[in-house]
Amino acid sequence: VLWNLATMFGLAICQPLAWCFGQLQSEPTEQRDDAPITVYLVALLLHWLANVSMNAAYRFLPGSLLQMLRVSKVAFVGILSYTVLGKDLPTSRVVGILLAVLGVIIIGYGAGHTIPGTADVVVTWKYVGLALGSEFIRSMLYVYQETTMKKYKIPAWKLASTV
């Protein structure tokens, strides 16, 4: 939790400074963007929500389980790429997504029966859902970044350094 807080605090200070110095030094044309500040704020909000959700799940679930649940990001990004970005998914990727979903289901099911001291399976599933929600939000962030970088011609380092 402290590492995330320190990182986000550092980025909150460094990004505006980099922007100000870039404006003063007249950045080269290929590094400028016409994106409004809200584009950066939405990316920051999605990143923050994903981190808070995952850290809340760390309160109850073991880290090893949460790391395995992060595989769900593969499925979420694939589905969002297909539905939002209109990208075609080859058969091999669809099979990979289905295997990732199957693995997440098996891991989630096993979590309710193997975590020591867990009395309520519903509570365990609540935190598994919170971790999966975190990865879905993070997947939304990745798709949002790809969409906005194309729309506003933002250099990748600028949008990625926001989060």
C-alpha atoms as a PDB file:
ATOM      1  CA  VAL A   1       0.000   0.000   0.000  1.00  0.00           C
ATOM      2  CA  LEU A   2       2.785   2.443   0.890  1.00  0.00           C
ATOM      3  CA  TRP A   3       4.638   1.669  -2.342  1.00  0.00           C
ATOM      4  CA  ASN A   4       1.530   2.483  -4.404  1.00  0.00           C
ATOM      5  CA  LEU A   5       0.959   5.653  -2.412  1.00  0.00           C
ATOM      6  CA  ALA A   6       4.567   6.796  -2.855  1.00  0.00           C
ATOM      7  CA  THR A   7       4.516   5.985  -6.563  1.00  0.00           C
ATOM      8  CA  MET A   8       1.265   7.817  -7.194  1.00  0.00           C
ATOM      9  CA  PHE A   9       2.431  10.786  -5.106  1.00  0.00           C
ATOM     10  CA  GLY A  10       5.697  10.942  -7.052  1.00  0.00           C
ATOM     11  CA  LEU A  11       3.890  10.767 -10.373  1.00  0.00           C
ATOM     12  CA  ALA A  12       1.420  13.401  -9.244  1.00  0.00           C
ATOM     13  CA  ILE A  13       4.364  15.746  -8.683  1.00  0.00           C
ATOM     14  CA  CYS A  14       6.573  14.762 -11.626  1.00  0.00           C
ATOM     15  CA  GLN A  15       3.978  14.726 -14.406  1.00  0.00           C
ATOM     16  CA  PRO A  16       2.876  18.383 -13.970  1.00  0.00           C
ATOM     17  CA  LEU A  17       6.525  19.437 -13.685  1.00  0.00           C
ATOM     18  CA  ALA A  18       7.402  17.608 -16.901  1.00  0.00           C
ATOM     19  CA  TRP A  19       4.421  19.181 -18.610  1.00  0.00           C
ATOM     20  CA  CYS A  20       5.375  22.688 -17.432  1.00  0.00           C
ATOM     21  CA  PHE A  21       9.007  22.303 -18.484  1.00  0.00           C
ATOM     22  CA  GLY A  22       7.889  20.918 -21.837  1.00  0.00           C
ATOM     23  CA  GLN A  23       5.696  23.967 -22.402  1.00  0.00           C
ATOM     24  CA  LEU A  24       8.523  26.321 -21.454  1.00  0.00           C
ATOM     25  CA  GLN A  25      11.095  24.603 -23.658  1.00  0.00           C
ATOM     26  CA  SER A  26       8.768  24.318 -26.648  1.00  0.00           C
ATOM     27  CA  GLU A  27       8.694  20.552 -27.208  1.00  0.00           C
ATOM     28  CA  PRO A  28       9.316  19.244 -30.712  1.00  0.00           C
ATOM     29  CA  THR A  29       6.106  18.968 -32.728  1.00  0.00           C
ATOM     30  CA  GLU A  30       6.055  15.153 -32.720  1.00  0.00           C
ATOM     31  CA  GLN A  31       6.066  15.120 -28.906  1.00  0.00           C
ATOM     32  CA  ARG A  32       3.212  17.561 -28.440  1.00  0.00           C
ATOM     33  CA  ASP A  33      -0.342  16.443 -28.079  1.00  0.00           C
ATOM     34  CA  ASP A  34      -3.676  18.177 -28.260  1.00  0.00           C
ATOM     35  CA  ALA A  35      -5.248  15.993 -25.574  1.00  0.00           C
ATOM     36  CA  PRO A  36      -7.247  17.751 -22.892  1.00  0.00           C
ATOM     37  CA  ILE A  37      -6.228  17.232 -19.269  1.00  0.00           C
ATOM     38  CA  THR A  38      -9.313  15.061 -18.752  1.00  0.00           C
ATOM     39  CA  VAL A  39      -7.707  12.331 -20.870  1.00  0.00           C
ATOM     40  CA  TYR A  40      -4.895  12.091 -18.352  1.00  0.00           C
ATOM     41  CA  LEU A  41      -7.254  12.341 -15.388  1.00  0.00           C
ATOM     42  CA  VAL A  42      -9.416   9.460 -16.654  1.00  0.00           C
ATOM     43  CA  ALA A  43      -6.302   7.286 -17.079  1.00  0.00           C
ATOM     44  CA  LEU A  44      -5.160   8.221 -13.592  1.00  0.00           C
ATOM     45  CA  LEU A  45      -8.592   7.464 -12.112  1.00  0.00           C
ATOM     46  CA  LEU A  46      -8.761   4.017 -13.767  1.00  0.00           C
ATOM     47  CA  HIS A  47      -5.267   3.190 -12.516  1.00  0.00           C
ATOM     48  CA  TRP A  48      -6.103   4.366  -9.007  1.00  0.00           C
ATOM     49  CA  LEU A  49      -9.354   2.341  -8.890  1.00  0.00           C
ATOM     50  CA  ALA A  50      -7.542  -0.797 -10.051  1.00  0.00           C
ATOM     51  CA  ASN A  51      -4.836  -0.372  -7.405  1.00  0.00           C
ATOM     52  CA  VAL A  52      -7.271   0.336  -4.581  1.00  0.00           C
ATOM     53  CA  SER A  53      -9.416  -2.677  -5.508  1.00  0.00           C
ATOM     54  CA  MET A  54      -6.433  -5.012  -5.668  1.00  0.00           C
ATOM     55  CA  ASN A  55      -5.017  -3.710  -2.383  1.00  0.00           C
ATOM     56  CA  ALA A  56      -8.399  -4.258  -0.729  1.00  0.00           C
ATOM     57  CA  ALA A  57      -8.351  -7.856  -1.995  1.00  0.00           C
ATOM     58  CA  TYR A  58      -4.851  -8.295  -0.506  1.00  0.00           C
ATOM     59  CA  ARG A  59      -6.465  -7.706   2.881  1.00  0.00           C
ATOM     60  CA  PHE A  60      -8.138 -11.094   2.780  1.00  0.00           C
ATOM     61  CA  LEU A  61      -6.631 -13.255   0.022  1.00  0.00           C
ATOM     62  CA  PRO A  62      -3.059 -14.557  -0.144  1.00  0.00           C
ATOM     63  CA  GLY A  63      -0.759 -12.862  -2.632  1.00  0.00           C
ATOM     64  CA  SER A  64      -0.082 -16.114  -4.472  1.00  0.00           C
ATOM     65  CA  LEU A  65      -3.776 -16.470  -5.260  1.00  0.00           C
ATOM     66  CA  LEU A  66      -4.068 -12.853  -6.371  1.00  0.00           C
ATOM     67  CA  GLN A  67      -1.093 -13.211  -8.696  1.00  0.00           C
ATOM     68  CA  MET A  68      -2.809 -16.147 -10.367  1.00  0.00           C
ATOM     69  CA  LEU A  69      -6.042 -14.168 -10.666  1.00  0.00           C
ATOM     70  CA  ARG A  70      -4.140 -11.492 -12.578  1.00  0.00           C
ATOM     71  CA  VAL A  71      -4.251 -13.872 -15.552  1.00  0.00           C
ATOM     72  CA  SER A  72      -7.844 -12.721 -16.008  1.00  0.00           C
ATOM     73  CA  LYS A  73      -6.369  -9.554 -17.517  1.00  0.00           C
ATOM     74  CA  VAL A  74      -5.543 -11.594 -20.628  1.00  0.00           C
ATOM     75  CA  ALA A  75      -9.191 -12.507 -21.099  1.00  0.00           C
ATOM     76  CA  PHE A  76     -10.488  -9.023 -20.324  1.00  0.00           C
ATOM     77  CA  VAL A  77      -8.075  -7.286 -22.708  1.00  0.00           C
ATOM     78  CA  GLY A  78      -8.913  -9.789 -25.448  1.00  0.00           C
ATOM     79  CA  ILE A  79     -12.646  -9.322 -25.020  1.00  0.00           C
ATOM     80  CA  LEU A  80     -12.386  -5.529 -24.813  1.00  0.00           C
ATOM     81  CA  SER A  81     -10.067  -5.409 -27.832  1.00  0.00           C
ATOM     82  CA  TYR A  82     -12.622  -7.348 -29.818  1.00  0.00           C
ATOM     83  CA  THR A  83     -15.698  -5.423 -28.664  1.00  0.00           C
ATOM     84  CA  VAL A  84     -14.339  -1.886 -28.245  1.00  0.00           C
ATOM     85  CA  LEU A  85     -11.424  -1.687 -30.661  1.00  0.00           C
ATOM     86  CA  GLY A  86     -12.899  -4.027 -33.262  1.00  0.00           C
ATOM     87  CA  LYS A  87      -9.765  -6.165 -33.471  1.00  0.00           C
ATOM     88  CA  ASP A  88     -10.015  -9.657 -34.872  1.00  0.00           C
ATOM     89  CA  LEU A  89      -9.063 -12.464 -32.538  1.00  0.00           C
ATOM     90  CA  PRO A  90      -7.403 -15.466 -34.174  1.00  0.00           C
ATOM     91  CA  THR A  91      -8.519 -18.890 -33.038  1.00  0.00           C
ATOM     92  CA  SER A  92      -5.331 -19.354 -31.004  1.00  0.00           C
ATOM     93  CA  ARG A  93      -6.117 -16.239 -28.949  1.00  0.00           C
ATOM     94  CA  VAL A  94      -9.717 -17.290 -28.396  1.00  0.00           C
ATOM     95  CA  VAL A  95      -8.482 -20.673 -27.141  1.00  0.00           C
ATOM     96  CA  GLY A  96      -5.960 -18.891 -24.894  1.00  0.00           C
ATOM     97  CA  ILE A  97      -8.687 -16.646 -23.499  1.00  0.00           C
ATOM     98  CA  LEU A  98     -10.941 -19.635 -22.816  1.00  0.00           C
ATOM     99  CA  LEU A  99      -8.101 -21.447 -21.032  1.00  0.00           C
ATOM    100  CA  ALA A 100      -7.381 -18.324 -18.951  1.00  0.00           C
ATOM    101  CA  VAL A 101     -11.060 -18.069 -17.999  1.00  0.00           C
ATOM    102  CA  LEU A 102     -11.136 -21.762 -17.079  1.00  0.00           C
ATOM    103  CA  GLY A 103      -8.013 -21.316 -14.953  1.00  0.00           C
ATOM    104  CA  VAL A 104      -9.499 -18.313 -13.144  1.00  0.00           C
ATOM    105  CA  ILE A 105     -12.688 -20.281 -12.421  1.00  0.00           C
ATOM    106  CA  ILE A 106     -10.678 -23.204 -11.030  1.00  0.00           C
ATOM    107  CA  ILE A 107      -8.513 -20.864  -8.924  1.00  0.00           C
ATOM    108  CA  GLY A 108     -11.545 -18.961  -7.662  1.00  0.00           C
ATOM    109  CA  TYR A 109     -13.366 -22.174  -6.779  1.00  0.00           C
ATOM    110  CA  GLY A 110     -10.334 -23.558  -4.996  1.00  0.00           C
ATOM    111  CA  ALA A 111      -9.903 -20.329  -3.027  1.00  0.00           C
ATOM    112  CA  GLY A 112     -13.119 -20.879  -1.128  1.00  0.00           C
ATOM    113  CA  HIS A 113     -12.000 -24.311   0.037  1.00  0.00           C
ATOM    114  CA  THR A 114      -8.279 -23.950   0.702  1.00  0.00           C
ATOM    115  CA  ILE A 115      -7.709 -20.619   2.463  1.00  0.00           C
ATOM    116  CA  PRO A 116      -7.045 -21.357   6.144  1.00  0.00           C
ATOM    117  CA  GLY A 117      -9.354 -19.622   8.560  1.00  0.00           C
ATOM    118  CA  THR A 118     -11.984 -18.954   5.925  1.00  0.00           C
ATOM    119  CA  ALA A 119     -15.349 -19.576   7.457  1.00  0.00           C
ATOM    120  CA  ASP A 120     -17.526 -17.960   4.834  1.00  0.00           C
ATOM    121  CA  VAL A 121     -17.169 -18.903   1.164  1.00  0.00           C
ATOM    122  CA  VAL A 122     -19.299 -15.885   0.187  1.00  0.00           C
ATOM    123  CA  VAL A 123     -16.742 -13.531   1.728  1.00  0.00           C
ATOM    124  CA  THR A 124     -13.947 -15.257  -0.188  1.00  0.00           C
ATOM    125  CA  TRP A 125     -15.845 -14.911  -3.454  1.00  0.00           C
ATOM    126  CA  LYS A 126     -16.447 -11.236  -2.666  1.00  0.00           C
ATOM    127  CA  TYR A 127     -12.701 -10.636  -2.516  1.00  0.00           C
ATOM    128  CA  VAL A 128     -12.041 -12.812  -5.578  1.00  0.00           C
ATOM    129  CA  GLY A 129     -14.622 -10.646  -7.367  1.00  0.00           C
ATOM    130  CA  LEU A 130     -12.853  -7.534  -6.131  1.00  0.00           C
ATOM    131  CA  ALA A 131      -9.545  -8.791  -7.545  1.00  0.00           C
ATOM    132  CA  LEU A 132     -11.200  -9.691 -10.849  1.00  0.00           C
ATOM    133  CA  GLY A 133     -12.860  -6.266 -10.910  1.00  0.00           C
ATOM    134  CA  SER A 134      -9.454  -4.693 -10.403  1.00  0.00           C
ATOM    135  CA  GLU A 135      -8.063  -6.554 -13.398  1.00  0.00           C
ATOM    136  CA  PHE A 136     -11.094  -5.597 -15.494  1.00  0.00           C
ATOM    137  CA  ILE A 137     -10.549  -1.930 -14.635  1.00  0.00           C
ATOM    138  CA  ARG A 138      -6.857  -2.293 -15.496  1.00  0.00           C
ATOM    139  CA  SER A 139      -7.851  -3.864 -18.834  1.00  0.00           C
ATOM    140  CA  MET A 140     -10.181  -0.937 -19.471  1.00  0.00           C
ATOM    141  CA  LEU A 141      -7.216   1.342 -18.796  1.00  0.00           C
ATOM    142  CA  TYR A 142      -5.083  -0.441 -21.416  1.00  0.00           C
ATOM    143  CA  VAL A 143      -7.817  -0.209 -24.048  1.00  0.00           C
ATOM    144  CA  TYR A 144      -8.473   3.430 -23.103  1.00  0.00           C
ATOM    145  CA  GLN A 145      -4.772   4.237 -23.468  1.00  0.00           C
ATOM    146  CA  GLU A 146      -4.617   2.650 -26.908  1.00  0.00           C
ATOM    147  CA  THR A 147      -7.735   4.503 -28.042  1.00  0.00           C
ATOM    148  CA  THR A 148      -6.653   7.898 -26.749  1.00  0.00           C
ATOM    149  CA  MET A 149      -3.068   7.612 -27.999  1.00  0.00           C
ATOM    150  CA  LYS A 150      -4.421   7.128 -31.514  1.00  0.00           C
ATOM    151  CA  LYS A 151      -7.095   9.806 -31.210  1.00  0.00           C
ATOM    152  CA  TYR A 152      -4.880  12.563 -29.812  1.00  0.00           C
ATOM    153  CA  LYS A 153      -1.480  11.369 -31.098  1.00  0.00           C
ATOM    154  CA  ILE A 154      -0.102  11.233 -27.571  1.00  0.00           C
ATOM    155  CA  PRO A 155       3.409   9.827 -27.258  1.00  0.00           C
ATOM    156  CA  ALA A 156       3.298   6.560 -25.325  1.00  0.00           C
ATOM    157  CA  TRP A 157       5.655   7.814 -22.605  1.00  0.00           C
ATOM    158  CA  LYS A 158       3.358  10.708 -21.770  1.00  0.00           C
ATOM    159  CA  LEU A 159       0.168   8.753 -21.183  1.00  0.00           C
ATOM    160  CA  ALA A 160       1.934   5.829 -19.534  1.00  0.00           C
ATOM    161  CA  SER A 161       3.821   8.123 -17.173  1.00  0.00           C
ATOM    162  CA  THR A 162       0.509   9.481 -15.947  1.00  0.00           C
ATOM    163  CA  VAL A 163      -0.217   6.120 -14.342  1.00  0.00           C
END
